[in-house]
mmCIF file of all heavy atoms, coordinates in Angstrom:
data_MODEL
# 
_entry.id   MODEL 
# 
loop_
_atom_site.group_PDB 
_atom_site.id 
_atom_site.type_symbol 
_atom_site.label_atom_id 
_atom_site.label_alt_id 
_atom_site.label_comp_id 
_atom_site.label_asym_id 
_atom_site.label_entity_id 
_atom_site.label_seq_id 
_atom_site.pdbx_PDB_ins_code 
_atom_site.Cartn_x 
_atom_site.Cartn_y 
_atom_site.Cartn_z 
_atom_site.occupancy 
_atom_site.B_iso_or_equiv 
_atom_site.pdbx_formal_charge 
_atom_site.auth_seq_id 
_atom_site.auth_comp_id 
_atom_site.auth_asym_id 
_atom_site.auth_atom_id 
_atom_site.pdbx_PDB_model_num 
ATOM 1   N N   . SER A 1 1  ? 112.155 92.508  115.653 1.00 0.00 ? 1  SER A N   1 
ATOM 2   C CA  . SER A 1 1  ? 111.916 93.242  114.416 1.00 0.00 ? 1  SER A CA  1 
ATOM 3   C C   . SER A 1 1  ? 111.777 92.306  113.233 1.00 0.00 ? 1  SER A C   1 
ATOM 4   O O   . SER A 1 1  ? 112.316 91.194  113.229 1.00 0.00 ? 1  SER A O   1 
ATOM 5   C CB  . SER A 1 1  ? 113.068 94.221  114.138 1.00 0.00 ? 1  SER A CB  1 
ATOM 6   O OG  . SER A 1 1  ? 113.232 95.149  115.189 1.00 0.00 ? 1  SER A OG  1 
ATOM 7   N N   . LEU A 1 2  ? 111.054 92.753  112.244 1.00 0.00 ? 2  LEU A N   1 
ATOM 8   C CA  . LEU A 1 2  ? 110.905 92.050  110.976 1.00 0.00 ? 2  LEU A CA  1 
ATOM 9   C C   . LEU A 1 2  ? 110.832 93.066  109.856 1.00 0.00 ? 2  LEU A C   1 
ATOM 10  O O   . LEU A 1 2  ? 110.372 94.190  110.064 1.00 0.00 ? 2  LEU A O   1 
ATOM 11  C CB  . LEU A 1 2  ? 109.638 91.194  110.945 1.00 0.00 ? 2  LEU A CB  1 
ATOM 12  C CG  . LEU A 1 2  ? 109.634 89.823  111.612 1.00 0.00 ? 2  LEU A CG  1 
ATOM 13  C CD1 . LEU A 1 2  ? 108.240 89.212  111.499 1.00 0.00 ? 2  LEU A CD1 1 
ATOM 14  C CD2 . LEU A 1 2  ? 110.665 88.905  110.979 1.00 0.00 ? 2  LEU A CD2 1 
ATOM 15  N N   . ARG A 1 3  ? 111.272 92.660  108.681 1.00 0.00 ? 3  ARG A N   1 
ATOM 16  C CA  . ARG A 1 3  ? 111.106 93.467  107.491 1.00 0.00 ? 3  ARG A CA  1 
ATOM 17  C C   . ARG A 1 3  ? 110.297 92.695  106.476 1.00 0.00 ? 3  ARG A C   1 
ATOM 18  O O   . ARG A 1 3  ? 110.695 91.608  106.048 1.00 0.00 ? 3  ARG A O   1 
ATOM 19  C CB  . ARG A 1 3  ? 112.459 93.849  106.876 1.00 0.00 ? 3  ARG A CB  1 
ATOM 20  C CG  . ARG A 1 3  ? 112.316 94.823  105.700 1.00 0.00 ? 3  ARG A CG  1 
ATOM 21  C CD  . ARG A 1 3  ? 113.581 94.951  104.879 1.00 0.00 ? 3  ARG A CD  1 
ATOM 22  N NE  . ARG A 1 3  ? 113.836 93.768  104.067 1.00 0.00 ? 3  ARG A NE  1 
ATOM 23  C CZ  . ARG A 1 3  ? 114.780 93.692  103.137 1.00 0.00 ? 3  ARG A CZ  1 
ATOM 24  N NH1 . ARG A 1 3  ? 115.579 94.728  102.919 1.00 0.00 ? 3  ARG A NH1 1 
ATOM 25  N NH2 . ARG A 1 3  ? 114.947 92.580  102.449 1.00 0.00 ? 3  ARG A NH2 1 
ATOM 26  N N   . LEU A 1 4  ? 109.167 93.247  106.111 1.00 0.00 ? 4  LEU A N   1 
ATOM 27  C CA  . LEU A 1 4  ? 108.337 92.666  105.075 1.00 0.00 ? 4  LEU A CA  1 
ATOM 28  C C   . LEU A 1 4  ? 108.652 93.320  103.739 1.00 0.00 ? 4  LEU A C   1 
ATOM 29  O O   . LEU A 1 4  ? 108.888 94.527  103.669 1.00 0.00 ? 4  LEU A O   1 
ATOM 30  C CB  . LEU A 1 4  ? 106.854 92.843  105.390 1.00 0.00 ? 4  LEU A CB  1 
ATOM 31  C CG  . LEU A 1 4  ? 106.348 92.298  106.730 1.00 0.00 ? 4  LEU A CG  1 
ATOM 32  C CD1 . LEU A 1 4  ? 104.839 92.475  106.819 1.00 0.00 ? 4  LEU A CD1 1 
ATOM 33  C CD2 . LEU A 1 4  ? 106.731 90.842  106.903 1.00 0.00 ? 4  LEU A CD2 1 
ATOM 34  N N   . SER A 1 5  ? 108.647 92.516  102.695 1.00 0.00 ? 5  SER A N   1 
ATOM 35  C CA  . SER A 1 5  ? 108.879 93.018  101.350 1.00 0.00 ? 5  SER A CA  1 
ATOM 36  C C   . SER A 1 5  ? 107.702 92.646  100.470 1.00 0.00 ? 5  SER A C   1 
ATOM 37  O O   . SER A 1 5  ? 107.083 91.600  100.649 1.00 0.00 ? 5  SER A O   1 
ATOM 38  C CB  . SER A 1 5  ? 110.162 92.433  100.756 1.00 0.00 ? 5  SER A CB  1 
ATOM 39  O OG  . SER A 1 5  ? 111.291 92.771  101.522 1.00 0.00 ? 5  SER A OG  1 
ATOM 40  N N   . CYS A 1 6  ? 107.414 93.494  99.522  1.00 0.00 ? 6  CYS A N   1 
ATOM 41  C CA  . CYS A 1 6  ? 106.353 93.235  98.555  1.00 0.00 ? 6  CYS A CA  1 
ATOM 42  C C   . CYS A 1 6  ? 106.843 93.672  97.192  1.00 0.00 ? 6  CYS A C   1 
ATOM 43  O O   . CYS A 1 6  ? 107.043 94.870  96.960  1.00 0.00 ? 6  CYS A O   1 
ATOM 44  C CB  . CYS A 1 6  ? 105.076 93.978  98.939  1.00 0.00 ? 6  CYS A CB  1 
ATOM 45  S SG  . CYS A 1 6  ? 103.767 93.879  97.694  1.00 0.00 ? 6  CYS A SG  1 
ATOM 46  N N   . ALA A 1 7  ? 107.024 92.720  96.310  1.00 0.00 ? 7  ALA A N   1 
ATOM 47  C CA  . ALA A 1 7  ? 107.538 93.000  94.979  1.00 0.00 ? 7  ALA A CA  1 
ATOM 48  C C   . ALA A 1 7  ? 106.446 92.825  93.936  1.00 0.00 ? 7  ALA A C   1 
ATOM 49  O O   . ALA A 1 7  ? 105.777 91.792  93.892  1.00 0.00 ? 7  ALA A O   1 
ATOM 50  C CB  . ALA A 1 7  ? 108.716 92.085  94.659  1.00 0.00 ? 7  ALA A CB  1 
ATOM 51  N N   . ALA A 1 8  ? 106.283 93.833  93.111  1.00 0.00 ? 8  ALA A N   1 
ATOM 52  C CA  . ALA A 1 8  ? 105.356 93.753  91.995  1.00 0.00 ? 8  ALA A CA  1 
ATOM 53  C C   . ALA A 1 8  ? 106.088 93.195  90.778  1.00 0.00 ? 8  ALA A C   1 
ATOM 54  O O   . ALA A 1 8  ? 107.236 93.546  90.523  1.00 0.00 ? 8  ALA A O   1 
ATOM 55  C CB  . ALA A 1 8  ? 104.778 95.130  91.679  1.00 0.00 ? 8  ALA A CB  1 
ATOM 56  N N   . SER A 1 9  ? 105.424 92.336  90.058  1.00 0.00 ? 9  SER A N   1 
ATOM 57  C CA  . SER A 1 9  ? 106.034 91.743  88.881  1.00 0.00 ? 9  SER A CA  1 
ATOM 58  C C   . SER A 1 9  ? 105.009 91.603  87.765  1.00 0.00 ? 9  SER A C   1 
ATOM 59  O O   . SER A 1 9  ? 103.808 91.674  88.001  1.00 0.00 ? 9  SER A O   1 
ATOM 60  C CB  . SER A 1 9  ? 106.641 90.377  89.208  1.00 0.00 ? 9  SER A CB  1 
ATOM 61  O OG  . SER A 1 9  ? 105.642 89.462  89.636  1.00 0.00 ? 9  SER A OG  1 
ATOM 62  N N   . GLY A 1 10 ? 105.504 91.379  86.568  1.00 0.00 ? 10 GLY A N   1 
ATOM 63  C CA  . GLY A 1 10 ? 104.643 91.236  85.410  1.00 0.00 ? 10 GLY A CA  1 
ATOM 64  C C   . GLY A 1 10 ? 104.762 92.418  84.477  1.00 0.00 ? 10 GLY A C   1 
ATOM 65  O O   . GLY A 1 10 ? 105.737 93.165  84.506  1.00 0.00 ? 10 GLY A O   1 
ATOM 66  N N   . SER A 1 11 ? 103.755 92.584  83.654  1.00 0.00 ? 11 SER A N   1 
ATOM 67  C CA  . SER A 1 11 ? 103.752 93.653  82.655  1.00 0.00 ? 11 SER A CA  1 
ATOM 68  C C   . SER A 1 11 ? 103.276 94.959  83.283  1.00 0.00 ? 11 SER A C   1 
ATOM 69  O O   . SER A 1 11 ? 102.150 95.404  83.049  1.00 0.00 ? 11 SER A O   1 
ATOM 70  C CB  . SER A 1 11 ? 102.875 93.258  81.471  1.00 0.00 ? 11 SER A CB  1 
ATOM 71  O OG  . SER A 1 11 ? 103.317 92.047  80.882  1.00 0.00 ? 11 SER A OG  1 
ATOM 72  N N   . ILE A 1 12 ? 104.138 95.566  84.079  1.00 0.00 ? 12 ILE A N   1 
ATOM 73  C CA  . ILE A 1 12 ? 103.805 96.776  84.824  1.00 0.00 ? 12 ILE A CA  1 
ATOM 74  C C   . ILE A 1 12 ? 104.202 98.013  84.036  1.00 0.00 ? 12 ILE A C   1 
ATOM 75  O O   . ILE A 1 12 ? 105.344 98.147  83.619  1.00 0.00 ? 12 ILE A O   1 
ATOM 76  C CB  . ILE A 1 12 ? 104.495 96.796  86.189  1.00 0.00 ? 12 ILE A CB  1 
ATOM 77  C CG1 . ILE A 1 12 ? 104.098 95.571  87.008  1.00 0.00 ? 12 ILE A CG1 1 
ATOM 78  C CG2 . ILE A 1 12 ? 104.151 98.079  86.943  1.00 0.00 ? 12 ILE A CG2 1 
ATOM 79  C CD1 . ILE A 1 12 ? 104.926 95.386  88.253  1.00 0.00 ? 12 ILE A CD1 1 
ATOM 80  N N   . PHE A 1 13 ? 103.262 98.913  83.876  1.00 0.00 ? 13 PHE A N   1 
ATOM 81  C CA  . PHE A 1 13 ? 103.552 100.192 83.251  1.00 0.00 ? 13 PHE A CA  1 
ATOM 82  C C   . PHE A 1 13 ? 103.929 101.224 84.305  1.00 0.00 ? 13 PHE A C   1 
ATOM 83  O O   . PHE A 1 13 ? 104.895 101.968 84.128  1.00 0.00 ? 13 PHE A O   1 
ATOM 84  C CB  . PHE A 1 13 ? 102.355 100.682 82.429  1.00 0.00 ? 13 PHE A CB  1 
ATOM 85  C CG  . PHE A 1 13 ? 102.588 102.010 81.768  1.00 0.00 ? 13 PHE A CG  1 
ATOM 86  C CD1 . PHE A 1 13 ? 103.287 102.098 80.581  1.00 0.00 ? 13 PHE A CD1 1 
ATOM 87  C CD2 . PHE A 1 13 ? 102.105 103.181 82.334  1.00 0.00 ? 13 PHE A CD2 1 
ATOM 88  C CE1 . PHE A 1 13 ? 103.518 103.307 79.961  1.00 0.00 ? 13 PHE A CE1 1 
ATOM 89  C CE2 . PHE A 1 13 ? 102.324 104.405 81.725  1.00 0.00 ? 13 PHE A CE2 1 
ATOM 90  C CZ  . PHE A 1 13 ? 103.030 104.467 80.533  1.00 0.00 ? 13 PHE A CZ  1 
ATOM 91  N N   . SER A 1 14 ? 103.168 101.260 85.382  1.00 0.00 ? 14 SER A N   1 
ATOM 92  C CA  . SER A 1 14 ? 103.428 102.229 86.432  1.00 0.00 ? 14 SER A CA  1 
ATOM 93  C C   . SER A 1 14 ? 102.762 101.783 87.728  1.00 0.00 ? 14 SER A C   1 
ATOM 94  O O   . SER A 1 14 ? 101.766 101.068 87.704  1.00 0.00 ? 14 SER A O   1 
ATOM 95  C CB  . SER A 1 14 ? 102.922 103.611 86.020  1.00 0.00 ? 14 SER A CB  1 
ATOM 96  O OG  . SER A 1 14 ? 103.253 104.595 86.993  1.00 0.00 ? 14 SER A OG  1 
ATOM 97  N N   . ILE A 1 15 ? 103.326 102.216 88.845  1.00 0.00 ? 15 ILE A N   1 
ATOM 98  C CA  . ILE A 1 15 ? 102.771 101.948 90.156  1.00 0.00 ? 15 ILE A CA  1 
ATOM 99  C C   . ILE A 1 15 ? 102.505 103.269 90.863  1.00 0.00 ? 15 ILE A C   1 
ATOM 100 O O   . ILE A 1 15 ? 103.377 104.133 90.906  1.00 0.00 ? 15 ILE A O   1 
ATOM 101 C CB  . ILE A 1 15 ? 103.713 101.097 91.028  1.00 0.00 ? 15 ILE A CB  1 
ATOM 102 C CG1 . ILE A 1 15 ? 104.049 99.786  90.324  1.00 0.00 ? 15 ILE A CG1 1 
ATOM 103 C CG2 . ILE A 1 15 ? 103.095 100.838 92.396  1.00 0.00 ? 15 ILE A CG2 1 
ATOM 104 C CD1 . ILE A 1 15 ? 105.047 98.932  91.076  1.00 0.00 ? 15 ILE A CD1 1 
ATOM 105 N N   . ASN A 1 16 ? 101.318 103.418 91.396  1.00 0.00 ? 16 ASN A N   1 
ATOM 106 C CA  . ASN A 1 16 ? 100.969 104.621 92.123  1.00 0.00 ? 16 ASN A CA  1 
ATOM 107 C C   . ASN A 1 16 ? 101.097 104.361 93.626  1.00 0.00 ? 16 ASN A C   1 
ATOM 108 O O   . ASN A 1 16 ? 102.197 104.168 94.122  1.00 0.00 ? 16 ASN A O   1 
ATOM 109 C CB  . ASN A 1 16 ? 99.554  105.072 91.750  1.00 0.00 ? 16 ASN A CB  1 
ATOM 110 C CG  . ASN A 1 16 ? 99.317  106.541 92.044  1.00 0.00 ? 16 ASN A CG  1 
ATOM 111 O OD1 . ASN A 1 16 ? 99.657  107.032 93.125  1.00 0.00 ? 16 ASN A OD1 1 
ATOM 112 N ND2 . ASN A 1 16 ? 98.737  107.251 91.090  1.00 0.00 ? 16 ASN A ND2 1 
ATOM 113 N N   . ASP A 1 17 ? 99.989  104.326 94.333  1.00 0.00 ? 17 ASP A N   1 
ATOM 114 C CA  . ASP A 1 17 ? 100.028 104.117 95.772  1.00 0.00 ? 17 ASP A CA  1 
ATOM 115 C C   . ASP A 1 17 ? 100.368 102.674 96.122  1.00 0.00 ? 17 ASP A C   1 
ATOM 116 O O   . ASP A 1 17 ? 100.015 101.746 95.407  1.00 0.00 ? 17 ASP A O   1 
ATOM 117 C CB  . ASP A 1 17 ? 98.680  104.471 96.397  1.00 0.00 ? 17 ASP A CB  1 
ATOM 118 C CG  . ASP A 1 17 ? 98.258  105.891 96.099  1.00 0.00 ? 17 ASP A CG  1 
ATOM 119 O OD1 . ASP A 1 17 ? 97.744  106.132 94.987  1.00 0.00 ? 17 ASP A OD1 1 
ATOM 120 O OD2 . ASP A 1 17 ? 98.417  106.749 96.981  1.00 0.00 ? 17 ASP A OD2 1 
ATOM 121 N N   . MET A 1 18 ? 101.037 102.497 97.254  1.00 0.00 ? 18 MET A N   1 
ATOM 122 C CA  . MET A 1 18 ? 101.303 101.181 97.802  1.00 0.00 ? 18 MET A CA  1 
ATOM 123 C C   . MET A 1 18 ? 100.994 101.230 99.295  1.00 0.00 ? 18 MET A C   1 
ATOM 124 O O   . MET A 1 18 ? 101.122 102.277 99.930  1.00 0.00 ? 18 MET A O   1 
ATOM 125 C CB  . MET A 1 18 ? 102.749 100.750 97.567  1.00 0.00 ? 18 MET A CB  1 
ATOM 126 C CG  . MET A 1 18 ? 103.174 100.778 96.108  1.00 0.00 ? 18 MET A CG  1 
ATOM 127 S SD  . MET A 1 18 ? 104.807 100.049 95.807  1.00 0.00 ? 18 MET A SD  1 
ATOM 128 C CE  . MET A 1 18 ? 104.364 98.305  95.724  1.00 0.00 ? 18 MET A CE  1 
ATOM 129 N N   . ALA A 1 19 ? 100.598 100.100 99.843  1.00 0.00 ? 19 ALA A N   1 
ATOM 130 C CA  . ALA A 1 19 ? 100.202 100.087 101.246 1.00 0.00 ? 19 ALA A CA  1 
ATOM 131 C C   . ALA A 1 19 ? 100.316 98.688  101.828 1.00 0.00 ? 19 ALA A C   1 
ATOM 132 O O   . ALA A 1 19 ? 100.405 97.696  101.105 1.00 0.00 ? 19 ALA A O   1 
ATOM 133 C CB  . ALA A 1 19 ? 98.768  100.603 101.409 1.00 0.00 ? 19 ALA A CB  1 
ATOM 134 N N   . TRP A 1 20 ? 100.301 98.640  103.150 1.00 0.00 ? 20 TRP A N   1 
ATOM 135 C CA  . TRP A 1 20 ? 100.257 97.394  103.886 1.00 0.00 ? 20 TRP A CA  1 
ATOM 136 C C   . TRP A 1 20 ? 99.008  97.369  104.757 1.00 0.00 ? 20 TRP A C   1 
ATOM 137 O O   . TRP A 1 20 ? 98.722  98.342  105.460 1.00 0.00 ? 20 TRP A O   1 
ATOM 138 C CB  . TRP A 1 20 ? 101.486 97.217  104.780 1.00 0.00 ? 20 TRP A CB  1 
ATOM 139 C CG  . TRP A 1 20 ? 102.737 96.924  104.022 1.00 0.00 ? 20 TRP A CG  1 
ATOM 140 C CD1 . TRP A 1 20 ? 103.667 97.804  103.576 1.00 0.00 ? 20 TRP A CD1 1 
ATOM 141 C CD2 . TRP A 1 20 ? 103.198 95.627  103.621 1.00 0.00 ? 20 TRP A CD2 1 
ATOM 142 N NE1 . TRP A 1 20 ? 104.683 97.162  102.924 1.00 0.00 ? 20 TRP A NE1 1 
ATOM 143 C CE2 . TRP A 1 20 ? 104.418 95.813  102.936 1.00 0.00 ? 20 TRP A CE2 1 
ATOM 144 C CE3 . TRP A 1 20 ? 102.698 94.328  103.780 1.00 0.00 ? 20 TRP A CE3 1 
ATOM 145 C CZ2 . TRP A 1 20 ? 105.151 94.748  102.406 1.00 0.00 ? 20 TRP A CZ2 1 
ATOM 146 C CZ3 . TRP A 1 20 ? 103.420 93.275  103.248 1.00 0.00 ? 20 TRP A CZ3 1 
ATOM 147 C CH2 . TRP A 1 20 ? 104.632 93.496  102.574 1.00 0.00 ? 20 TRP A CH2 1 
ATOM 148 N N   . TYR A 1 21 ? 98.283  96.284  104.693 1.00 0.00 ? 21 TYR A N   1 
ATOM 149 C CA  . TYR A 1 21 ? 97.131  96.034  105.538 1.00 0.00 ? 21 TYR A CA  1 
ATOM 150 C C   . TYR A 1 21 ? 97.418  94.802  106.380 1.00 0.00 ? 21 TYR A C   1 
ATOM 151 O O   . TYR A 1 21 ? 98.323  94.027  106.084 1.00 0.00 ? 21 TYR A O   1 
ATOM 152 C CB  . TYR A 1 21 ? 95.874  95.787  104.701 1.00 0.00 ? 21 TYR A CB  1 
ATOM 153 C CG  . TYR A 1 21 ? 95.311  97.009  104.003 1.00 0.00 ? 21 TYR A CG  1 
ATOM 154 C CD1 . TYR A 1 21 ? 95.942  97.557  102.898 1.00 0.00 ? 21 TYR A CD1 1 
ATOM 155 C CD2 . TYR A 1 21 ? 94.127  97.590  104.445 1.00 0.00 ? 21 TYR A CD2 1 
ATOM 156 C CE1 . TYR A 1 21 ? 95.421  98.662  102.249 1.00 0.00 ? 21 TYR A CE1 1 
ATOM 157 C CE2 . TYR A 1 21 ? 93.596  98.692  103.801 1.00 0.00 ? 21 TYR A CE2 1 
ATOM 158 C CZ  . TYR A 1 21 ? 94.243  99.222  102.709 1.00 0.00 ? 21 TYR A CZ  1 
ATOM 159 O OH  . TYR A 1 21 ? 93.709  100.318 102.067 1.00 0.00 ? 21 TYR A OH  1 
ATOM 160 N N   . ARG A 1 22 ? 96.618  94.607  107.420 1.00 0.00 ? 22 ARG A N   1 
ATOM 161 C CA  . ARG A 1 22 ? 96.736  93.393  108.206 1.00 0.00 ? 22 ARG A CA  1 
ATOM 162 C C   . ARG A 1 22 ? 95.370  92.973  108.718 1.00 0.00 ? 22 ARG A C   1 
ATOM 163 O O   . ARG A 1 22 ? 94.467  93.790  108.857 1.00 0.00 ? 22 ARG A O   1 
ATOM 164 C CB  . ARG A 1 22 ? 97.708  93.568  109.379 1.00 0.00 ? 22 ARG A CB  1 
ATOM 165 C CG  . ARG A 1 22 ? 97.220  94.488  110.489 1.00 0.00 ? 22 ARG A CG  1 
ATOM 166 C CD  . ARG A 1 22 ? 98.300  94.669  111.532 1.00 0.00 ? 22 ARG A CD  1 
ATOM 167 N NE  . ARG A 1 22 ? 97.870  95.518  112.632 1.00 0.00 ? 22 ARG A NE  1 
ATOM 168 C CZ  . ARG A 1 22 ? 98.668  95.946  113.604 1.00 0.00 ? 22 ARG A CZ  1 
ATOM 169 N NH1 . ARG A 1 22 ? 99.960  95.585  113.610 1.00 0.00 ? 22 ARG A NH1 1 
ATOM 170 N NH2 . ARG A 1 22 ? 98.190  96.722  114.573 1.00 0.00 ? 22 ARG A NH2 1 
ATOM 171 N N   . GLN A 1 23 ? 95.240  91.691  108.981 1.00 0.00 ? 23 GLN A N   1 
ATOM 172 C CA  . GLN A 1 23 ? 94.004  91.146  109.507 1.00 0.00 ? 23 GLN A CA  1 
ATOM 173 C C   . GLN A 1 23 ? 94.326  90.109  110.570 1.00 0.00 ? 23 GLN A C   1 
ATOM 174 O O   . GLN A 1 23 ? 94.949  89.088  110.282 1.00 0.00 ? 23 GLN A O   1 
ATOM 175 C CB  . GLN A 1 23 ? 93.150  90.523  108.399 1.00 0.00 ? 23 GLN A CB  1 
ATOM 176 C CG  . GLN A 1 23 ? 91.779  90.081  108.862 1.00 0.00 ? 23 GLN A CG  1 
ATOM 177 C CD  . GLN A 1 23 ? 90.852  89.766  107.706 1.00 0.00 ? 23 GLN A CD  1 
ATOM 178 O OE1 . GLN A 1 23 ? 91.302  89.504  106.593 1.00 0.00 ? 23 GLN A OE1 1 
ATOM 179 N NE2 . GLN A 1 23 ? 89.559  89.802  107.957 1.00 0.00 ? 23 GLN A NE2 1 
ATOM 180 N N   . ALA A 1 24 ? 93.918  90.401  111.785 1.00 0.00 ? 24 ALA A N   1 
ATOM 181 C CA  . ALA A 1 24 ? 94.104  89.487  112.901 1.00 0.00 ? 24 ALA A CA  1 
ATOM 182 C C   . ALA A 1 24 ? 92.891  88.569  113.005 1.00 0.00 ? 24 ALA A C   1 
ATOM 183 O O   . ALA A 1 24 ? 91.803  88.903  112.515 1.00 0.00 ? 24 ALA A O   1 
ATOM 184 C CB  . ALA A 1 24 ? 94.295  90.265  114.199 1.00 0.00 ? 24 ALA A CB  1 
ATOM 185 N N   . PRO A 1 25 ? 93.038  87.415  113.654 1.00 0.00 ? 25 PRO A N   1 
ATOM 186 C CA  . PRO A 1 25 ? 91.909  86.494  113.795 1.00 0.00 ? 25 PRO A CA  1 
ATOM 187 C C   . PRO A 1 25 ? 90.705  87.154  114.444 1.00 0.00 ? 25 PRO A C   1 
ATOM 188 O O   . PRO A 1 25 ? 90.829  87.799  115.484 1.00 0.00 ? 25 PRO A O   1 
ATOM 189 C CB  . PRO A 1 25 ? 92.481  85.385  114.683 1.00 0.00 ? 25 PRO A CB  1 
ATOM 190 C CG  . PRO A 1 25 ? 93.944  85.408  114.405 1.00 0.00 ? 25 PRO A CG  1 
ATOM 191 C CD  . PRO A 1 25 ? 94.273  86.873  114.228 1.00 0.00 ? 25 PRO A CD  1 
ATOM 192 N N   . GLY A 1 26 ? 89.547  87.016  113.818 1.00 0.00 ? 26 GLY A N   1 
ATOM 193 C CA  . GLY A 1 26 ? 88.326  87.570  114.362 1.00 0.00 ? 26 GLY A CA  1 
ATOM 194 C C   . GLY A 1 26 ? 88.162  89.065  114.207 1.00 0.00 ? 26 GLY A C   1 
ATOM 195 O O   . GLY A 1 26 ? 87.211  89.634  114.747 1.00 0.00 ? 26 GLY A O   1 
ATOM 196 N N   . LYS A 1 27 ? 89.064  89.710  113.491 1.00 0.00 ? 27 LYS A N   1 
ATOM 197 C CA  . LYS A 1 27 ? 88.997  91.149  113.316 1.00 0.00 ? 27 LYS A CA  1 
ATOM 198 C C   . LYS A 1 27 ? 88.951  91.524  111.839 1.00 0.00 ? 27 LYS A C   1 
ATOM 199 O O   . LYS A 1 27 ? 89.280  90.724  110.970 1.00 0.00 ? 27 LYS A O   1 
ATOM 200 C CB  . LYS A 1 27 ? 90.189  91.835  113.983 1.00 0.00 ? 27 LYS A CB  1 
ATOM 201 C CG  . LYS A 1 27 ? 90.249  91.667  115.493 1.00 0.00 ? 27 LYS A CG  1 
ATOM 202 C CD  . LYS A 1 27 ? 91.394  92.453  116.090 1.00 0.00 ? 27 LYS A CD  1 
ATOM 203 C CE  . LYS A 1 27 ? 91.420  92.332  117.599 1.00 0.00 ? 27 LYS A CE  1 
ATOM 204 N NZ  . LYS A 1 27 ? 92.536  93.118  118.188 1.00 0.00 ? 27 LYS A NZ  1 
# 
């Protein structure tokens, strides 16, 4: 198992949708 984290930073007013994508070699 692994847990990935994604933190938004900077001058953020609001966040709507969030998602995870991936790309394997050659795909």
